[in-house]
């Protein structure tokens, strides 16, 4: 692993389904697959740690709260043609939380992995 890598951990309900989703839809490569507990996939400088309930990250907190997938935190993948990318992904059965939104900085849409974690696709303005 490179020192310039960025690590993001996502809690997932099914580690193998998450690996298949990130590899099949976004071109991540598998670095380690210890399903059903844990897997690590990479795309460029992004290392995505996919943790199931059987992983150390899935253990309850001292106050009893359980780590769980979902929420609104996300990483962003920059794309050249957001409309074409959304069409491709919808054709593969990827679910989205919204439609493409346009703002002053560009366009974005939120895809959901099989556990409900979010991946933002972003096309910068003028691209």
C-alpha atoms as a PDB file:
ATOM      1  CA  UNK A   1       0.000   0.000   0.000  1.00  0.00           C
ATOM      2  CA  UNK A   2       1.307   3.423  -0.950  1.00  0.00           C
ATOM      3  CA  UNK A   3       1.617   6.269   1.562  1.00  0.00           C
ATOM      4  CA  UNK A   4      -0.431   8.373  -0.874  1.00  0.00           C
ATOM      5  CA  UNK A   5      -3.349   5.932  -0.695  1.00  0.00           C
ATOM      6  CA  UNK A   6      -6.594   7.084   0.889  1.00  0.00           C
ATOM      7  CA  UNK A   7      -8.344   4.478   3.028  1.00  0.00           C
ATOM      8  CA  UNK A   8     -12.113   4.531   3.490  1.00  0.00           C
ATOM      9  CA  UNK A   9     -13.943   1.905   5.571  1.00  0.00           C
ATOM     10  CA  UNK A  10     -17.529   0.951   4.782  1.00  0.00           C
ATOM     11  CA  UNK A  11     -19.585  -1.387   6.919  1.00  0.00           C
ATOM     12  CA  UNK A  12     -21.438  -3.810   4.636  1.00  0.00           C
ATOM     13  CA  UNK A  13     -24.108  -6.442   5.125  1.00  0.00           C
ATOM     14  CA  UNK A  14     -22.536  -8.907   2.663  1.00  0.00           C
ATOM     15  CA  UNK A  15     -18.804  -8.590   2.011  1.00  0.00           C
ATOM     16  CA  UNK A  16     -18.767 -10.711  -1.158  1.00  0.00           C
ATOM     17  CA  UNK A  17     -21.729  -8.834  -2.677  1.00  0.00           C
ATOM     18  CA  UNK A  18     -19.921  -5.546  -1.955  1.00  0.00           C
ATOM     19  CA  UNK A  19     -16.683  -6.808  -3.562  1.00  0.00           C
ATOM     20  CA  UNK A  20     -18.582  -7.942  -6.655  1.00  0.00           C
ATOM     21  CA  UNK A  21     -20.414  -4.581  -6.860  1.00  0.00           C
ATOM     22  CA  UNK A  22     -17.303  -2.378  -6.624  1.00  0.00           C
ATOM     23  CA  UNK A  23     -15.247  -4.578  -8.971  1.00  0.00           C
ATOM     24  CA  UNK A  24     -18.058  -5.092 -11.493  1.00  0.00           C
ATOM     25  CA  UNK A  25     -19.421  -1.545 -11.601  1.00  0.00           C
ATOM     26  CA  UNK A  26     -16.466   0.740 -10.900  1.00  0.00           C
ATOM     27  CA  UNK A  27     -13.367  -1.226 -11.879  1.00  0.00           C
ATOM     28  CA  UNK A  28     -11.894  -1.704  -8.402  1.00  0.00           C
ATOM     29  CA  UNK A  29      -9.348  -4.514  -8.039  1.00  0.00           C
ATOM     30  CA  UNK A  30      -9.353  -6.964  -5.137  1.00  0.00           C
ATOM     31  CA  UNK A  31      -6.371  -6.669  -2.802  1.00  0.00           C
ATOM     32  CA  UNK A  32      -7.616  -9.053  -0.104  1.00  0.00           C
ATOM     33  CA  UNK A  33     -10.811 -11.042   0.194  1.00  0.00           C
ATOM     34  CA  UNK A  34     -11.504 -12.621   3.581  1.00  0.00           C
ATOM     35  CA  UNK A  35     -15.293 -12.772   3.125  1.00  0.00           C
ATOM     36  CA  UNK A  36     -17.554 -12.951   5.031  1.00  0.00           C
ATOM     37  CA  UNK A  37     -15.564 -10.809   7.501  1.00  0.00           C
ATOM     38  CA  UNK A  38     -13.531  -8.359   5.423  1.00  0.00           C
ATOM     39  CA  UNK A  39     -12.202  -7.394   2.000  1.00  0.00           C
ATOM     40  CA  UNK A  40      -9.986  -4.657   0.594  1.00  0.00           C
ATOM     41  CA  UNK A  41     -10.457  -3.289  -2.922  1.00  0.00           C
ATOM     42  CA  UNK A  42      -8.523  -0.520  -4.673  1.00  0.00           C
ATOM     43  CA  UNK A  43      -8.979   1.944  -7.490  1.00  0.00           C
ATOM     44  CA  UNK A  44      -6.066   4.310  -8.033  1.00  0.00           C
ATOM     45  CA  UNK A  45      -5.139   5.884  -4.701  1.00  0.00           C
ATOM     46  CA  UNK A  46      -8.442   4.810  -3.049  1.00  0.00           C
ATOM     47  CA  UNK A  47      -8.356   1.722  -0.849  1.00  0.00           C
ATOM     48  CA  UNK A  48     -11.876   0.717   0.195  1.00  0.00           C
ATOM     49  CA  UNK A  49     -12.084  -1.483   3.288  1.00  0.00           C
ATOM     50  CA  UNK A  50     -15.306  -3.509   3.235  1.00  0.00           C
ATOM     51  CA  UNK A  51     -16.106  -4.744   6.744  1.00  0.00           C
ATOM     52  CA  UNK A  52     -18.834  -7.193   7.706  1.00  0.00           C
ATOM     53  CA  UNK A  53     -20.202  -7.990  11.156  1.00  0.00           C
ATOM     54  CA  UNK A  54     -17.531 -10.681  11.666  1.00  0.00           C
ATOM     55  CA  UNK A  55     -14.712  -8.122  11.263  1.00  0.00           C
ATOM     56  CA  UNK A  56     -13.115  -6.260  14.153  1.00  0.00           C
ATOM     57  CA  UNK A  57     -14.768  -3.070  12.844  1.00  0.00           C
ATOM     58  CA  UNK A  58     -18.160  -4.768  13.205  1.00  0.00           C
ATOM     59  CA  UNK A  59     -17.890  -5.217  16.972  1.00  0.00           C
ATOM     60  CA  UNK A  60     -20.247  -3.342  19.282  1.00  0.00           C
ATOM     61  CA  UNK A  61     -19.091  -0.115  20.906  1.00  0.00           C
ATOM     62  CA  UNK A  62     -18.751   0.041  24.714  1.00  0.00           C
ATOM     63  CA  UNK A  63     -22.186   1.701  24.927  1.00  0.00           C
ATOM     64  CA  UNK A  64     -23.759  -1.137  22.918  1.00  0.00           C
ATOM     65  CA  UNK A  65     -24.179   0.666  19.571  1.00  0.00           C
ATOM     66  CA  UNK A  66     -23.550  -1.559  16.555  1.00  0.00           C
ATOM     67  CA  UNK A  67     -21.625  -0.336  13.505  1.00  0.00           C
ATOM     68  CA  UNK A  68     -23.942  -0.464  10.501  1.00  0.00           C
ATOM     69  CA  UNK A  69     -23.879   0.363   6.792  1.00  0.00           C
ATOM     70  CA  UNK A  70     -25.560   3.302   5.129  1.00  0.00           C
ATOM     71  CA  UNK A  71     -25.594   6.965   5.988  1.00  0.00           C
ATOM     72  CA  UNK A  72     -24.533   9.958   3.937  1.00  0.00           C
ATOM     73  CA  UNK A  73     -20.731  10.001   4.123  1.00  0.00           C
ATOM     74  CA  UNK A  74     -19.252   9.049   0.790  1.00  0.00           C
ATOM     75  CA  UNK A  75     -16.296   9.155  -1.527  1.00  0.00           C
ATOM     76  CA  UNK A  76     -16.489  10.819  -4.910  1.00  0.00           C
ATOM     77  CA  UNK A  77     -15.536   9.426  -8.308  1.00  0.00           C
ATOM     78  CA  UNK A  78     -14.986  12.090 -10.967  1.00  0.00           C
ATOM     79  CA  UNK A  79     -16.411  11.182 -14.375  1.00  0.00           C
ATOM     80  CA  UNK A  80     -16.155  12.854 -17.772  1.00  0.00           C
ATOM     81  CA  UNK A  81     -19.775  12.210 -18.868  1.00  0.00           C
ATOM     82  CA  UNK A  82     -22.123  11.727 -15.931  1.00  0.00           C
ATOM     83  CA  UNK A  83     -25.197  11.029 -18.063  1.00  0.00           C
ATOM     84  CA  UNK A  84     -23.450   8.223 -19.964  1.00  0.00           C
ATOM     85  CA  UNK A  85     -22.027   6.763 -16.747  1.00  0.00           C
ATOM     86  CA  UNK A  86     -25.437   6.775 -15.046  1.00  0.00           C
ATOM     87  CA  UNK A  87     -27.002   5.099 -18.079  1.00  0.00           C
ATOM     88  CA  UNK A  88     -24.274   2.408 -18.049  1.00  0.00           C
ATOM     89  CA  UNK A  89     -24.685   1.773 -14.325  1.00  0.00           C
ATOM     90  CA  UNK A  90     -28.499   1.693 -14.458  1.00  0.00           C
ATOM     91  CA  UNK A  91     -28.131  -0.915 -17.200  1.00  0.00           C
ATOM     92  CA  UNK A  92     -26.155  -3.008 -14.709  1.00  0.00           C
ATOM     93  CA  UNK A  93     -28.873  -2.624 -12.071  1.00  0.00           C
ATOM     94  CA  UNK A  94     -27.163  -0.006  -9.886  1.00  0.00           C
ATOM     95  CA  UNK A  95     -29.599   1.872  -7.628  1.00  0.00           C
ATOM     96  CA  UNK A  96     -29.430   5.651  -7.198  1.00  0.00           C
ATOM     97  CA  UNK A  97     -30.774   7.781  -4.346  1.00  0.00           C
ATOM     98  CA  UNK A  98     -31.541  10.708  -6.616  1.00  0.00           C
ATOM     99  CA  UNK A  99     -31.375  12.022 -10.157  1.00  0.00           C
ATOM    100  CA  UNK A 100     -28.458  14.042 -11.522  1.00  0.00           C
ATOM    101  CA  UNK A 101     -28.253  17.397  -9.732  1.00  0.00           C
ATOM    102  CA  UNK A 102     -26.647  20.476 -11.307  1.00  0.00           C
ATOM    103  CA  UNK A 103     -24.873  23.090  -9.230  1.00  0.00           C
ATOM    104  CA  UNK A 104     -22.260  25.812  -9.683  1.00  0.00           C
ATOM    105  CA  UNK A 105     -19.385  23.338  -9.369  1.00  0.00           C
ATOM    106  CA  UNK A 106     -20.777  20.660 -11.642  1.00  0.00           C
ATOM    107  CA  UNK A 107     -23.204  17.740 -11.607  1.00  0.00           C
ATOM    108  CA  UNK A 108     -23.575  14.886  -9.134  1.00  0.00           C
ATOM    109  CA  UNK A 109     -25.638  11.799  -8.385  1.00  0.00           C
ATOM    110  CA  UNK A 110     -25.542   9.305  -5.508  1.00  0.00           C
ATOM    111  CA  UNK A 111     -25.283   5.565  -6.196  1.00  0.00           C
ATOM    112  CA  UNK A 112     -25.919   2.998  -3.455  1.00  0.00           C
ATOM    113  CA  UNK A 113     -23.896  -0.168  -2.961  1.00  0.00           C
ATOM    114  CA  UNK A 114     -25.746  -3.372  -1.954  1.00  0.00           C
ATOM    115  CA  UNK A 115     -25.590  -2.321   1.740  1.00  0.00           C
ATOM    116  CA  UNK A 116     -26.833   1.246   1.180  1.00  0.00           C
ATOM    117  CA  UNK A 117     -23.431   2.975   1.332  1.00  0.00           C
ATOM    118  CA  UNK A 118     -23.123   5.943  -0.984  1.00  0.00           C
ATOM    119  CA  UNK A 119     -20.781   6.583  -3.918  1.00  0.00           C
ATOM    120  CA  UNK A 120     -20.984  10.052  -5.441  1.00  0.00           C
ATOM    121  CA  UNK A 121     -20.404  10.409  -9.169  1.00  0.00           C
ATOM    122  CA  UNK A 122     -19.310  13.945 -10.031  1.00  0.00           C
ATOM    123  CA  UNK A 123     -18.744  15.753 -13.323  1.00  0.00           C
ATOM    124  CA  UNK A 124     -17.009  19.099 -12.829  1.00  0.00           C
ATOM    125  CA  UNK A 125     -18.531  22.148 -14.494  1.00  0.00           C
ATOM    126  CA  UNK A 126     -17.069  22.729 -17.928  1.00  0.00           C
ATOM    127  CA  UNK A 127     -15.993  19.095 -18.310  1.00  0.00           C
END
